[in-house]
Structure formats: structure tokens, C-alpha cells
């Protein structure tokens, strides 16, 4: 069951001038699964009042008494949030929500574009917290090296998780046309059979493109997560995408 509660900003860390890691401490704690999201509003509101304008953000952490969010500063809402965020600021959150849950025992291949890495950071926390040992692969397409998972994530990543960054803004680019070559990345990661669970997270075009590529390659266990306008939230593809859901 979800809860509406005040949350206090504990820390805000600038990853790049447009990407920030914000740590909140909610007054009321509800467990959430890796891959889920919350609704955040800048207004002070309780459950009895109509819910004001808000945005969904994927959890970038898992467990404990605090919440981390990876926020891209673009658009009016996220710009206002980042410009006003400071330790001690009180916000209101409603959580948890979402159909994307990354807590099943499985071999995961997680494909992210930019800030779409956010739900996969919560998976890393879950993986470490539960002391999992199954192999996992994270393929991360970014434009700037400063946004590497190793630059964002706060714990040591275990050897059983293979991180494959693709910094498309560098010269020479790692893949043709400065776009992620998913086939080459899968070969490098050793992902060859249909025993893997795939999740693609990023802007709508990114999610649809690489979801389709995986489906065309014969993989069947595929989920999509999409973000737009600096906000991360759930997205369920329809039959037109041709992506089979687990």
C-alpha cells in the first residue's frame, strides 16, 4: 500500500550541470522494490487534500531510511526542484508505484540511455543488500564520461555485475554513428541466449528502438521503462513495438 508523506532533502550532489543525485529522508517509510517509482510534489500536502502537480521519479536506491533520486534538470518542474533543493527543504512524496520490479532471481541484462540508469541503480543496491551472485550486465549509453555508473553509484560494484559504458560523445565514438550498437555490446558481454531477462530504460525512442532490436534478435523476455522531460516513470509498450513482456 502506498503512502503520502513529507520528505526532507538531506543531500544534493551535482553529477554534471544537468544531472543531480538527490537524497531524501521520508517521515514515513514504506518498503519498495527495485525498479519502482514515486510521485514528488514541491508542495506541502497530506493524504486528505487533492494531489497537486507532481512528477514521477524512479527510485535510484533500495532499502534503508532514505531515498535517492537521479534527476535530469530539464523543463520547468525539474529546474525549479533543483534550483530550490537544499538540505532541510521539505517536499511531499507518494510511494511506491510501478510494474517494473527487478527482485526476481534471474540473469538481468539492463540497457540504459542517459538518466534511464536510475532504476538500475536501485537494482545495484538490491543486489548488494541481498548478497546476490547471479551474473548481471548493465549497458549504459551516455554522452559524457562524467555520467558513468562508476561516477554516480556510491558503493563498490561487485565483480559479478559487468558494466559496459558507451560514451557516444567521445571521439572516436565507441560505436558507429555515435549510437549504441546493441549487438556489439551483447557480444562483448557474452549475452547470447534467451536465459537473460532484459530491461531497456531511457527516452521513449531509445526504449522502443532497442526493445525492437532485442526482439528482432530473438530475445523474448523484454521489458521497457521510459523517461521524458527529465522525469523517469513506467512505460508499457503496446503490440506495435513488437516487444514481448515477461
Protein backbone atom coordinates (compact mmCIF):
# COMPACT_ATOMS: atom_id res chain seq x y z
CA UNK A 1 0.00 0.00 0.00
CA UNK A 2 1.35 3.44 -0.90
CA UNK A 3 1.71 6.35 1.49
CA UNK A 4 1.71 10.15 1.23
CA UNK A 5 4.40 11.67 3.44
CA UNK A 6 6.70 14.62 3.86
CA UNK A 7 10.32 14.08 2.88
CA UNK A 8 13.32 16.21 3.79
CA UNK A 9 16.22 16.84 1.44
CA UNK A 10 19.39 15.51 3.05
CA UNK A 11 21.89 15.99 0.26
CA UNK A 12 22.10 17.14 -3.35
CA UNK A 13 25.12 16.14 -5.41
CA UNK A 14 25.86 17.58 -8.83
CA UNK A 15 26.97 14.82 -11.19
CA UNK A 16 27.05 17.20 -14.18
CA UNK A 17 25.46 20.66 -14.59
CA UNK A 18 22.27 18.93 -15.80
CA UNK A 19 22.25 15.74 -13.68
CA UNK A 20 21.83 15.58 -9.90
CA UNK A 21 21.63 12.89 -7.23
CA UNK A 22 19.17 13.98 -4.54
CA UNK A 23 18.86 12.17 -1.19
CA UNK A 24 15.57 12.40 0.73
CA UNK A 25 14.53 11.16 4.16
CA UNK A 26 10.77 10.46 4.27
CA UNK A 27 8.88 10.81 7.54
CA UNK A 28 7.04 7.52 6.86
CA UNK A 29 8.90 4.55 5.41
CA UNK A 30 7.30 2.05 3.04
CA UNK A 31 9.38 -0.73 1.50
CA UNK A 32 9.78 -0.55 -2.27
CA UNK A 33 11.14 -2.96 -4.82
CA UNK A 34 13.99 -2.11 -7.21
CA UNK A 35 12.54 -0.64 -10.40
CA UNK A 36 9.59 1.13 -8.75
CA UNK A 37 8.95 4.90 -8.63
CA UNK A 38 7.42 7.66 -6.53
CA UNK A 39 5.40 10.81 -7.18
CA UNK A 40 7.02 14.03 -5.92
CA UNK A 41 5.47 17.46 -5.45
CA UNK A 42 7.11 20.65 -4.24
CA UNK A 43 4.04 21.49 -2.16
CA UNK A 44 3.37 20.53 1.45
CA UNK A 45 0.27 18.33 1.24
CA UNK A 46 -1.24 15.39 3.16
CA UNK A 47 -3.40 12.47 2.05
CA UNK A 48 -6.67 14.33 2.74
CA UNK A 49 -6.03 17.09 0.20
CA UNK A 50 -6.22 16.87 -3.60
CA UNK A 51 -2.88 15.84 -5.02
CA UNK A 52 -1.13 18.87 -6.60
CA UNK A 53 1.05 18.96 -9.76
CA UNK A 54 3.84 16.42 -9.42
CA UNK A 55 6.28 14.27 -11.35
CA UNK A 56 7.23 10.58 -11.12
CA UNK A 57 10.83 9.62 -10.43
CA UNK A 58 12.32 6.15 -10.32
CA UNK A 59 13.99 5.13 -7.10
CA UNK A 60 17.75 5.21 -7.57
CA UNK A 61 18.30 3.35 -4.30
CA UNK A 62 16.82 0.47 -2.33
CA UNK A 63 16.36 -0.20 1.38
CA UNK A 64 17.18 1.86 4.44
CA UNK A 65 15.53 5.02 5.72
CA UNK A 66 16.41 7.32 2.85
CA UNK A 67 15.59 7.62 -0.85
CA UNK A 68 17.96 8.58 -3.65
CA UNK A 69 16.66 10.07 -6.90
CA UNK A 70 18.64 10.73 -10.08
CA UNK A 71 17.16 13.87 -11.62
CA UNK A 72 17.86 15.42 -15.01
CA UNK A 73 17.40 19.18 -14.88
CA UNK A 74 15.29 20.00 -17.92
CA UNK A 75 11.86 21.51 -18.02
CA UNK A 76 10.09 23.78 -15.57
CA UNK A 77 9.39 21.28 -12.79
CA UNK A 78 12.85 19.73 -12.50
CA UNK A 79 14.55 23.12 -12.92
CA UNK A 80 12.51 24.53 -10.04
CA UNK A 81 13.20 21.43 -7.95
CA UNK A 82 16.97 21.55 -8.43
CA UNK A 83 17.21 25.33 -8.03
CA UNK A 84 15.39 25.15 -4.68
CA UNK A 85 16.76 21.87 -3.36
CA UNK A 86 18.94 22.31 -0.30
CA UNK A 87 19.44 20.30 2.91
CA UNK A 88 16.42 20.79 5.13
CA UNK A 89 13.92 21.55 2.35
CA UNK A 90 10.62 19.69 2.87
CA UNK A 91 8.82 18.11 -0.10
CA UNK A 92 5.92 15.67 -0.32
CA UNK A 93 6.15 12.23 -1.87
CA UNK A 94 3.64 9.48 -2.57
CA UNK A 95 5.06 5.98 -2.99
CA UNK A 96 5.68 3.22 -4.02
CA UNK A 97 4.27 2.65 -7.52
CA UNK A 98 5.22 0.69 -10.61
CA UNK A 99 5.00 -2.55 -12.55
CA UNK A 100 8.74 -2.84 -13.22
CA UNK A 101 10.12 -4.96 -10.38
CA UNK A 102 13.69 -6.24 -10.52
CA UNK A 103 13.64 -8.51 -7.48
CA UNK A 104 13.20 -11.92 -9.15
CA UNK A 105 16.14 -14.34 -9.15
CA UNK A 106 17.26 -14.04 -12.77
CA UNK A 107 20.15 -13.11 -15.01
CA UNK A 108 19.45 -9.47 -15.90
CA UNK A 109 20.75 -7.54 -18.89
CA UNK A 110 19.89 -3.89 -18.23
CA UNK A 111 20.19 -1.39 -21.09
CA UNK A 112 20.03 2.30 -20.20
CA UNK A 113 20.20 5.59 -22.05
CA UNK A 114 21.39 8.58 -20.00
CA UNK A 115 19.35 9.17 -16.83
CA UNK A 116 17.44 5.98 -17.64
CA UNK A 117 20.08 4.30 -15.47
CA UNK A 118 18.10 5.40 -12.39
CA UNK A 119 16.01 2.22 -11.79
CA UNK A 120 19.10 0.12 -12.35
CA UNK A 121 20.91 1.91 -9.52
CA UNK A 122 18.17 0.65 -7.19
CA UNK A 123 18.84 -2.82 -8.60
CA UNK A 124 22.54 -2.48 -7.69
CA UNK A 125 21.54 -1.60 -4.11
CA UNK A 126 19.18 -4.59 -4.00
CA UNK A 127 21.83 -6.91 -5.46
CA UNK A 128 24.35 -5.87 -2.81
CA UNK A 129 21.83 -5.83 0.04
CA UNK A 130 20.60 -9.34 -0.73
CA UNK A 131 24.14 -10.59 -1.46
CA UNK A 132 23.11 -11.97 -4.85
CA UNK A 133 25.60 -13.82 -7.03
CA UNK A 134 23.78 -14.37 -10.34
CA UNK A 135 25.56 -12.65 -13.25
CA UNK A 136 24.15 -9.32 -14.41
CA UNK A 137 25.06 -6.91 -17.20
CA UNK A 138 24.47 -3.16 -17.35
CA UNK A 139 24.90 -1.49 -20.76
CA UNK A 140 24.86 2.27 -20.35
CA UNK A 141 24.80 4.70 -23.29
CA UNK A 142 25.79 8.24 -22.27
CA UNK A 143 27.16 11.35 -23.93
CA UNK A 144 29.53 12.44 -21.15
CA UNK A 145 32.03 10.34 -19.21
CA UNK A 146 31.06 12.17 -16.01
CA UNK A 147 27.73 10.27 -16.10
CA UNK A 148 29.32 6.82 -15.91
CA UNK A 149 27.73 4.46 -13.38
CA UNK A 150 31.06 4.37 -11.55
CA UNK A 151 30.87 8.17 -11.14
CA UNK A 152 27.28 8.12 -9.86
CA UNK A 153 26.98 4.99 -7.73
CA UNK A 154 28.04 5.21 -4.10
CA UNK A 155 29.14 1.60 -3.39
CA UNK A 156 31.70 -0.78 -4.87
CA UNK A 157 30.12 -2.67 -7.77
CA UNK A 158 30.64 -6.44 -7.38
CA UNK A 159 32.64 -8.36 -9.98
CA UNK A 160 29.59 -10.46 -10.90
CA UNK A 161 27.96 -7.34 -12.40
CA UNK A 162 29.53 -6.35 -15.71
CA UNK A 163 29.22 -2.63 -16.52
CA UNK A 164 29.61 -1.77 -20.23
CA UNK A 165 29.61 2.01 -20.79
CA UNK A 166 29.22 3.53 -24.24
CA UNK A 167 30.26 7.19 -24.19
CA UNK A 168 28.80 8.34 -27.51
CA UNK A 169 30.00 11.94 -27.15
CA UNK A 170 33.68 10.95 -27.24
CA UNK A 171 35.87 10.90 -30.33
CA UNK A 172 36.33 8.43 -31.82
CA UNK A 173 32.90 7.15 -30.77
CA UNK A 174 32.77 3.57 -29.41
CA UNK A 175 30.02 2.58 -31.85
CA UNK A 176 29.09 3.71 -35.39
CA UNK A 177 27.14 6.95 -35.89
CA UNK A 178 27.57 7.85 -32.21
CA UNK A 179 24.75 5.47 -31.33
CA UNK A 180 24.75 2.40 -29.14
CA UNK A 181 25.50 -0.78 -31.13
CA UNK A 182 23.47 -3.19 -29.01
CA UNK A 183 24.63 -6.28 -30.94
CA UNK A 184 28.31 -5.45 -30.33
CA UNK A 185 27.63 -4.72 -26.65
CA UNK A 186 25.84 -8.05 -26.17
CA UNK A 187 28.71 -9.92 -27.82
CA UNK A 188 31.19 -8.17 -25.55
CA UNK A 189 29.05 -9.01 -22.51
CA UNK A 190 28.66 -12.66 -23.53
CA UNK A 191 24.86 -12.39 -23.63
CA UNK A 192 23.88 -14.89 -26.30
CA UNK A 193 20.86 -16.96 -25.22
CA UNK A 194 17.31 -16.47 -24.03
CA UNK A 195 18.04 -17.24 -20.38
CA UNK A 196 18.51 -13.49 -19.76
CA UNK A 197 15.84 -11.03 -18.61
CA UNK A 198 16.17 -7.72 -20.49
CA UNK A 199 15.07 -4.29 -19.34
CA UNK A 200 15.56 -1.21 -21.55
CA UNK A 201 15.29 2.18 -19.84
CA UNK A 202 15.58 5.66 -21.35
CA UNK A 203 13.73 8.15 -23.54
CA UNK A 204 10.75 6.72 -25.48
CA UNK A 205 12.62 6.48 -28.79
CA UNK A 206 15.61 4.82 -27.09
CA UNK A 207 13.43 2.27 -25.30
CA UNK A 208 11.38 1.45 -28.41
CA UNK A 209 14.45 1.22 -30.69
CA UNK A 210 16.48 -1.13 -28.51
CA UNK A 211 13.47 -3.10 -27.35
CA UNK A 212 12.71 -3.75 -31.03
CA UNK A 213 16.37 -4.65 -31.71
CA UNK A 214 16.36 -7.22 -28.91
CA UNK A 215 13.04 -8.66 -30.10
CA UNK A 216 14.30 -8.87 -33.69
CA UNK A 217 17.38 -10.71 -32.41
CA UNK A 218 15.12 -13.40 -30.98
CA UNK A 219 15.15 -12.46 -27.30
CA UNK A 220 11.76 -12.82 -25.63
CA UNK A 221 11.96 -11.67 -22.01
CA UNK A 222 11.98 -7.89 -22.51
CA UNK A 223 10.54 -5.01 -20.51
CA UNK A 224 10.69 -1.30 -21.29
CA UNK A 225 11.00 1.66 -18.94
CA UNK A 226 10.75 5.14 -20.44
CA UNK A 227 11.55 8.65 -19.28
CA UNK A 228 10.89 12.00 -20.86
CA UNK A 229 11.32 15.64 -19.90
CA UNK A 230 13.72 14.90 -17.06
CA UNK A 231 11.27 12.51 -15.40
CA UNK A 232 11.61 8.77 -15.04
CA UNK A 233 8.47 6.65 -15.00
CA UNK A 234 6.94 3.39 -16.12
CA UNK A 235 6.05 2.73 -19.75
CA UNK A 236 4.36 -0.37 -21.08
CA UNK A 237 4.86 -0.88 -24.83
CA UNK A 238 1.93 -1.89 -26.97
CA UNK A 239 1.83 -4.54 -29.70
CA UNK A 240 3.17 -2.04 -32.24
CA UNK A 241 6.59 -2.20 -30.62
CA UNK A 242 6.69 -5.97 -31.08
CA UNK A 243 8.31 -6.42 -27.67
CA UNK A 244 7.21 -9.42 -25.65
CA UNK A 245 6.60 -8.75 -21.99
CA UNK A 246 7.51 -11.14 -19.19
